[in-house]
Structures are given as C-alpha cells and as structure tokens.
Amino acid sequence: MRTKMRLLGFRGATVKPLNEEAAAELGAELLGEALVFGVGGLCLYLEYLRQAGQSRRREEQLEQTLSELRTALERLQEELDELRGRRGDGHGPGGAGDAQGGAGDAPVTSTH
C-alpha cells in the first residue's frame, strides 16, 4: 500500500496496515499490471529490432545495387573511351574506311 501511495504522489502520508487478504489482492494486482506492462514493453522492443533489421537489409541491398550500377557505368565508360579511340584511328566503326551502308552513305546524284 505504501508503494501504491508513493506512486500516486503521497510521500509523507501514513498508511494503516491492511489485512492479509486485501494485501494479497493488492499485491496480485500490482504484479499482474507489472507483468502486462513488461510483456507490452518486450513486444515493442522486439518489433523495433525487427523493423531496424529490415531497414538495415534494405539499405544494404540498395548499397549493393548502387555499387553494381557504378561498376557497370565505369565499364561502359571504358568501352566508350575505347570506341572513341578507335574512331580517331579510322579503324573502328564509323571511321574513314568504314563502309556499312546506311542512309547517310547513299551516293549523291546531281540533276544539273
């Protein structure tokens, strides 16, 4: 009963002793409430851990995807640089000696 009075904010109040039955009932009620709050707190904590784990896995997956995209971009950049180098030599696609035959390669005829 003293604990209950302290929780309610009565610090210096004197409490007359309870009979054994009332004390047991009050103790059981206090223990039951503590158990319910404890289980509720544990459930909240476990849910927090689950959400944090999902968030961390999602972040790791995004980082991995980003890393793969960066690697692919670097590889494509290297290929582009290589193709530009070939074009400058005149030996690669689109160079001076290339005869692929497209719309731009049609012979020009004059009607003069």
C-alpha atoms as a PDB file:
ATOM      1  CA  MET A   1       0.000   0.000   0.000  1.00  0.00           C
ATOM      2  CA  ARG A   2       2.916   2.328   0.733  1.00  0.00           C
ATOM      3  CA  THR A   3       4.255   1.690  -2.781  1.00  0.00           C
ATOM      4  CA  LYS A   4       0.882   2.494  -4.293  1.00  0.00           C
ATOM      5  CA  MET A   5       0.633   5.710  -2.276  1.00  0.00           C
ATOM      6  CA  ARG A   6       4.145   6.731  -3.344  1.00  0.00           C
ATOM      7  CA  LEU A   7       3.272   6.079  -6.990  1.00  0.00           C
ATOM      8  CA  LEU A   8       0.209   8.282  -6.590  1.00  0.00           C
ATOM      9  CA  GLY A   9       2.356  11.073  -5.194  1.00  0.00           C
ATOM     10  CA  PHE A  10       1.637  10.865  -1.455  1.00  0.00           C
ATOM     11  CA  ARG A  11       5.085  10.877   0.134  1.00  0.00           C
ATOM     12  CA  GLY A  12       4.567  11.538   3.820  1.00  0.00           C
ATOM     13  CA  ALA A  13       1.120  10.031   4.254  1.00  0.00           C
ATOM     14  CA  THR A  14       0.783   7.391   6.926  1.00  0.00           C
ATOM     15  CA  VAL A  15      -0.948   4.239   5.854  1.00  0.00           C
ATOM     16  CA  LYS A  16      -2.770   1.975   8.248  1.00  0.00           C
ATOM     17  CA  PRO A  17      -1.878  -1.685   7.858  1.00  0.00           C
ATOM     18  CA  LEU A  18      -4.071  -3.769   5.553  1.00  0.00           C
ATOM     19  CA  ASN A  19      -5.446  -7.129   6.458  1.00  0.00           C
ATOM     20  CA  GLU A  20      -3.791 -10.115   4.852  1.00  0.00           C
ATOM     21  CA  GLU A  21      -6.482 -10.704   2.220  1.00  0.00           C
ATOM     22  CA  ALA A  22      -6.516  -7.085   0.999  1.00  0.00           C
ATOM     23  CA  ALA A  23      -2.701  -7.001   0.917  1.00  0.00           C
ATOM     24  CA  ALA A  24      -2.568 -10.222  -1.137  1.00  0.00           C
ATOM     25  CA  GLU A  25      -5.174  -8.876  -3.557  1.00  0.00           C
ATOM     26  CA  LEU A  26      -3.352  -5.580  -3.966  1.00  0.00           C
ATOM     27  CA  GLY A  27      -0.009  -7.378  -4.454  1.00  0.00           C
ATOM     28  CA  ALA A  28      -1.504  -9.698  -7.068  1.00  0.00           C
ATOM     29  CA  GLU A  29      -2.999  -6.732  -8.909  1.00  0.00           C
ATOM     30  CA  LEU A  30       0.330  -4.887  -8.842  1.00  0.00           C
ATOM     31  CA  LEU A  31       2.202  -7.979 -10.036  1.00  0.00           C
ATOM     32  CA  GLY A  32      -0.341  -8.565 -12.838  1.00  0.00           C
ATOM     33  CA  GLU A  33      -0.056  -4.987 -14.068  1.00  0.00           C
ATOM     34  CA  ALA A  34       3.742  -5.142 -13.948  1.00  0.00           C
ATOM     35  CA  LEU A  35       3.647  -8.369 -15.975  1.00  0.00           C
ATOM     36  CA  VAL A  36       1.323  -6.861 -18.615  1.00  0.00           C
ATOM     37  CA  PHE A  37       3.483  -3.742 -18.936  1.00  0.00           C
ATOM     38  CA  GLY A  38       6.623  -5.888 -19.111  1.00  0.00           C
ATOM     39  CA  VAL A  39       5.230  -8.081 -21.897  1.00  0.00           C
ATOM     40  CA  GLY A  40       3.992  -4.998 -23.770  1.00  0.00           C
ATOM     41  CA  GLY A  41       7.410  -3.348 -23.467  1.00  0.00           C
ATOM     42  CA  LEU A  42       9.124  -6.525 -24.654  1.00  0.00           C
ATOM     43  CA  CYS A  43       6.803  -6.713 -27.691  1.00  0.00           C
ATOM     44  CA  LEU A  44       7.576  -3.082 -28.555  1.00  0.00           C
ATOM     45  CA  TYR A  45      11.318  -3.723 -28.245  1.00  0.00           C
ATOM     46  CA  LEU A  46      11.174  -6.856 -30.418  1.00  0.00           C
ATOM     47  CA  GLU A  47       9.144  -5.004 -33.075  1.00  0.00           C
ATOM     48  CA  TYR A  48      11.706  -2.203 -33.039  1.00  0.00           C
ATOM     49  CA  LEU A  49      14.513  -4.721 -33.578  1.00  0.00           C
ATOM     50  CA  ARG A  50      12.588  -6.333 -36.449  1.00  0.00           C
ATOM     51  CA  GLN A  51      11.983  -3.008 -38.170  1.00  0.00           C
ATOM     52  CA  ALA A  52      15.601  -1.942 -37.684  1.00  0.00           C
ATOM     53  CA  GLY A  53      16.771  -5.235 -39.214  1.00  0.00           C
ATOM     54  CA  GLN A  54      14.511  -4.798 -42.230  1.00  0.00           C
ATOM     55  CA  SER A  55      15.695  -1.249 -42.694  1.00  0.00           C
ATOM     56  CA  ARG A  56      19.336  -2.317 -42.471  1.00  0.00           C
ATOM     57  CA  ARG A  57      18.808  -5.133 -45.004  1.00  0.00           C
ATOM     58  CA  ARG A  58      17.030  -2.719 -47.367  1.00  0.00           C
ATOM     59  CA  GLU A  59      19.907  -0.243 -47.059  1.00  0.00           C
ATOM     60  CA  GLU A  60      22.498  -2.956 -47.716  1.00  0.00           C
ATOM     61  CA  GLN A  61      20.561  -4.079 -50.795  1.00  0.00           C
ATOM     62  CA  LEU A  62      20.402  -0.517 -52.109  1.00  0.00           C
ATOM     63  CA  GLU A  63      24.136  -0.054 -51.488  1.00  0.00           C
ATOM     64  CA  GLN A  64      24.876  -3.272 -53.368  1.00  0.00           C
ATOM     65  CA  THR A  65      22.680  -2.203 -56.298  1.00  0.00           C
ATOM     66  CA  LEU A  66      24.343   1.201 -56.352  1.00  0.00           C
ATOM     67  CA  SER A  67      27.783  -0.408 -56.325  1.00  0.00           C
ATOM     68  CA  GLU A  68      26.818  -2.695 -59.230  1.00  0.00           C
ATOM     69  CA  LEU A  69      25.492   0.283 -61.188  1.00  0.00           C
ATOM     70  CA  ARG A  70      28.698   2.226 -60.567  1.00  0.00           C
ATOM     71  CA  THR A  71      30.783  -0.724 -61.760  1.00  0.00           C
ATOM     72  CA  ALA A  72      28.642  -1.086 -64.889  1.00  0.00           C
ATOM     73  CA  LEU A  73      28.894   2.663 -65.551  1.00  0.00           C
ATOM     74  CA  GLU A  74      32.697   2.553 -65.236  1.00  0.00           C
ATOM     75  CA  ARG A  75      32.842  -0.427 -67.609  1.00  0.00           C
ATOM     76  CA  LEU A  76      30.626   1.349 -70.143  1.00  0.00           C
ATOM     77  CA  GLN A  77      32.736   4.497 -69.823  1.00  0.00           C
ATOM     78  CA  GLU A  78      35.874   2.474 -70.545  1.00  0.00           C
ATOM     79  CA  GLU A  79      34.208   0.877 -73.584  1.00  0.00           C
ATOM     80  CA  LEU A  80      33.104   4.289 -74.819  1.00  0.00           C
ATOM     81  CA  ASP A  81      36.622   5.675 -74.436  1.00  0.00           C
ATOM     82  CA  GLU A  82      37.991   2.663 -76.299  1.00  0.00           C
ATOM     83  CA  LEU A  83      35.471   3.117 -79.128  1.00  0.00           C
ATOM     84  CA  ARG A  84      36.280   6.808 -79.364  1.00  0.00           C
ATOM     85  CA  GLY A  85      39.958   5.929 -79.567  1.00  0.00           C
ATOM     86  CA  ARG A  86      39.304   3.517 -82.437  1.00  0.00           C
ATOM     87  CA  ARG A  87      37.222   6.076 -84.290  1.00  0.00           C
ATOM     88  CA  GLY A  88      40.067   8.561 -84.039  1.00  0.00           C
ATOM     89  CA  ASP A  89      42.395   5.970 -85.677  1.00  0.00           C
ATOM     90  CA  GLY A  90      39.989   5.410 -88.565  1.00  0.00           C
ATOM     91  CA  HIS A  91      39.895   1.665 -87.958  1.00  0.00           C
ATOM     92  CA  GLY A  92      36.776   1.336 -85.840  1.00  0.00           C
ATOM     93  CA  PRO A  93      33.084   1.659 -86.574  1.00  0.00           C
ATOM     94  CA  GLY A  94      32.240   4.928 -88.243  1.00  0.00           C
ATOM     95  CA  GLY A  95      35.865   5.566 -89.261  1.00  0.00           C
ATOM     96  CA  ALA A  96      37.101   6.741 -92.672  1.00  0.00           C
ATOM     97  CA  GLY A  97      37.443   3.223 -94.090  1.00  0.00           C
ATOM     98  CA  ASP A  98      34.084   2.026 -92.816  1.00  0.00           C
ATOM     99  CA  ALA A  99      31.516   1.051 -95.449  1.00  0.00           C
ATOM    100  CA  GLN A 100      28.455  -0.087 -93.554  1.00  0.00           C
ATOM    101  CA  GLY A 101      25.897   1.265 -95.994  1.00  0.00           C
ATOM    102  CA  GLY A 102      23.351   3.293 -94.148  1.00  0.00           C
ATOM    103  CA  ALA A 103      21.031   6.106 -95.132  1.00  0.00           C
ATOM    104  CA  GLY A 104      23.880   8.583 -94.916  1.00  0.00           C
ATOM    105  CA  ASP A 105      26.089   6.551 -97.282  1.00  0.00           C
ATOM    106  CA  ALA A 106      23.821   6.771-100.340  1.00  0.00           C
ATOM    107  CA  PRO A 107      25.500   8.238-103.458  1.00  0.00           C
ATOM    108  CA  VAL A 108      24.597  11.808-104.240  1.00  0.00           C
ATOM    109  CA  THR A 109      23.473  12.468-107.769  1.00  0.00           C
ATOM    110  CA  SER A 110      23.228  15.833-109.329  1.00  0.00           C
ATOM    111  CA  THR A 111      20.466  16.905-111.730  1.00  0.00           C
ATOM    112  CA  HIS A 112      22.399  19.768-113.381  1.00  0.00           C
END
